[in-house]
Amino acid sequence: MHKNWPQMTGGLSDTIRELRGGAPEVMKAFSGMAQAALKANALDTKTKELVALAIAVAIRCDGCIAFHAEAAMKQGPTRDEVMETMGMAVYMGAGPSVMYAAQAVEAFDQFTEKSGG
């Protein structure tokens, strides 16, 4: 085991409680947004938690991974569903980097041309 994810959520929960006390209106609004986003509509809550988990992986947020892995597990996905979701996370984490790298090269080339280099 590389990281103890349940321990991470426990530790983060304590510090998030402190944040709630220090910025109550912001955290109340964040909580409301989370509830609205996770409400089952066209997508069920399980699917939404799997999406959140994939995004957590793609943006490389350990705490987000911990909380959404737990929340997804509580919605009952199969391991195959999680694995397929992780395939999308890998795809999306790498794909945007390819697109931004191409734009960075283009910008470099344009600045080089502009400077006469």
Protein backbone atom coordinates (compact mmCIF):
# COMPACT_ATOMS: atom_id res chain seq x y z
CA MET A 1 0.00 0.00 0.00
CA HIS A 2 1.43 3.36 -1.04
CA LYS A 3 -1.04 5.62 0.74
CA ASN A 4 -3.62 5.05 3.42
CA TRP A 5 -6.64 6.62 1.72
CA PRO A 6 -9.14 6.15 4.60
CA GLN A 7 -6.63 7.78 6.95
CA MET A 8 -6.25 10.63 4.47
CA THR A 9 -9.99 11.35 4.43
CA GLY A 10 -10.05 11.29 8.23
CA GLY A 11 -7.21 13.76 8.51
CA LEU A 12 -8.60 16.01 5.81
CA SER A 13 -12.05 15.94 7.38
CA ASP A 14 -10.58 17.48 10.52
CA THR A 15 -8.93 20.33 8.61
CA ILE A 16 -12.01 20.83 6.41
CA ARG A 17 -14.04 21.30 9.61
CA GLU A 18 -11.61 24.06 10.57
CA LEU A 19 -12.11 25.64 7.16
CA ARG A 20 -15.88 25.48 7.63
CA GLY A 21 -15.48 27.43 10.85
CA GLY A 22 -13.16 29.98 9.28
CA ALA A 23 -15.08 30.52 6.05
CA PRO A 24 -18.62 29.35 6.85
CA GLU A 25 -20.49 31.13 4.05
CA VAL A 26 -18.08 29.92 1.36
CA MET A 27 -18.12 26.36 2.66
CA LYS A 28 -21.93 26.39 2.96
CA ALA A 29 -22.13 27.49 -0.68
CA PHE A 30 -19.62 24.80 -1.69
CA SER A 31 -21.64 22.16 0.13
CA GLY A 32 -24.81 23.33 -1.61
CA MET A 33 -23.09 23.16 -4.98
CA ALA A 34 -21.88 19.63 -4.24
CA GLN A 35 -25.39 18.52 -3.27
CA ALA A 36 -26.88 20.04 -6.42
CA ALA A 37 -24.20 18.53 -8.65
CA LEU A 38 -24.58 15.06 -7.16
CA LYS A 39 -28.39 14.97 -7.27
CA ALA A 40 -29.59 12.22 -9.57
CA ASN A 41 -31.13 13.64 -12.71
CA ALA A 42 -30.16 12.55 -16.23
CA LEU A 43 -27.12 10.86 -14.64
CA ASP A 44 -27.43 8.77 -11.52
CA THR A 45 -25.31 9.54 -8.46
CA LYS A 46 -23.05 6.52 -9.05
CA THR A 47 -22.14 7.80 -12.50
CA LYS A 48 -21.56 11.29 -11.14
CA GLU A 49 -19.23 9.97 -8.44
CA LEU A 50 -17.31 7.97 -11.04
CA VAL A 51 -16.99 11.15 -13.13
CA ALA A 52 -15.75 13.03 -10.05
CA LEU A 53 -13.22 10.27 -9.38
CA ALA A 54 -11.97 10.43 -12.97
CA ILE A 55 -11.62 14.20 -12.75
CA ALA A 56 -9.76 13.84 -9.45
CA VAL A 57 -7.29 11.53 -11.18
CA ALA A 58 -6.94 13.78 -14.24
CA ILE A 59 -6.21 16.86 -12.10
CA ARG A 60 -4.03 14.85 -9.72
CA CYS A 61 -5.80 15.72 -6.45
CA ASP A 62 -5.03 13.13 -3.75
CA GLY A 63 -7.67 14.39 -1.34
CA CYS A 64 -10.27 14.45 -4.10
CA ILE A 65 -9.35 10.88 -5.05
CA ALA A 66 -9.75 9.77 -1.46
CA PHE A 67 -13.16 11.38 -0.92
CA HIS A 68 -14.60 10.42 -4.31
CA ALA A 69 -13.27 6.85 -4.18
CA GLU A 70 -15.12 6.45 -0.91
CA ALA A 71 -18.26 8.16 -2.20
CA ALA A 72 -18.20 6.11 -5.41
CA MET A 73 -17.76 2.87 -3.46
CA LYS A 74 -20.86 3.73 -1.43
CA GLN A 75 -22.84 3.96 -4.70
CA GLY A 76 -21.97 0.35 -5.56
CA PRO A 77 -20.04 0.37 -8.85
CA THR A 78 -18.31 -2.80 -9.92
CA ARG A 79 -14.52 -2.88 -10.06
CA ASP A 80 -14.84 -3.15 -13.85
CA GLU A 81 -16.82 0.11 -13.90
CA VAL A 82 -14.13 1.79 -11.81
CA MET A 83 -11.38 0.41 -14.07
CA GLU A 84 -13.16 1.63 -17.20
CA THR A 85 -13.63 5.03 -15.57
CA MET A 86 -9.90 5.10 -14.78
CA GLY A 87 -9.19 4.41 -18.45
CA MET A 88 -11.08 7.59 -19.29
CA ALA A 89 -9.19 9.50 -16.59
CA VAL A 90 -5.86 8.42 -18.06
CA TYR A 91 -7.03 9.33 -21.53
CA MET A 92 -8.24 12.77 -20.45
CA GLY A 93 -5.24 13.50 -18.26
CA ALA A 94 -2.90 12.88 -21.17
CA GLY A 95 -5.02 14.27 -24.02
CA PRO A 96 -5.24 17.84 -22.72
CA SER A 97 -1.49 17.85 -22.22
CA VAL A 98 -1.00 16.97 -25.88
CA MET A 99 -3.30 19.80 -26.94
CA TYR A 100 -1.61 22.38 -24.69
CA ALA A 101 1.85 21.21 -25.76
CA ALA A 102 0.91 21.79 -29.40
CA GLN A 103 -0.34 25.28 -28.53
CA ALA A 104 2.84 26.01 -26.55
CA VAL A 105 4.97 25.07 -29.56
CA GLU A 106 2.80 27.23 -31.79
CA ALA A 107 3.13 30.18 -29.39
CA PHE A 108 6.90 29.71 -29.18
CA ASP A 109 7.15 29.62 -32.98
CA GLN A 110 5.03 32.76 -33.33
CA PHE A 111 7.11 34.67 -30.76
CA THR A 112 10.28 33.47 -32.46
CA GLU A 113 9.04 34.69 -35.84
CA LYS A 114 7.98 38.03 -34.34
CA SER A 115 11.43 38.61 -32.80
CA GLY A 116 13.12 37.81 -36.09
CA GLY A 117 14.84 34.71 -34.70
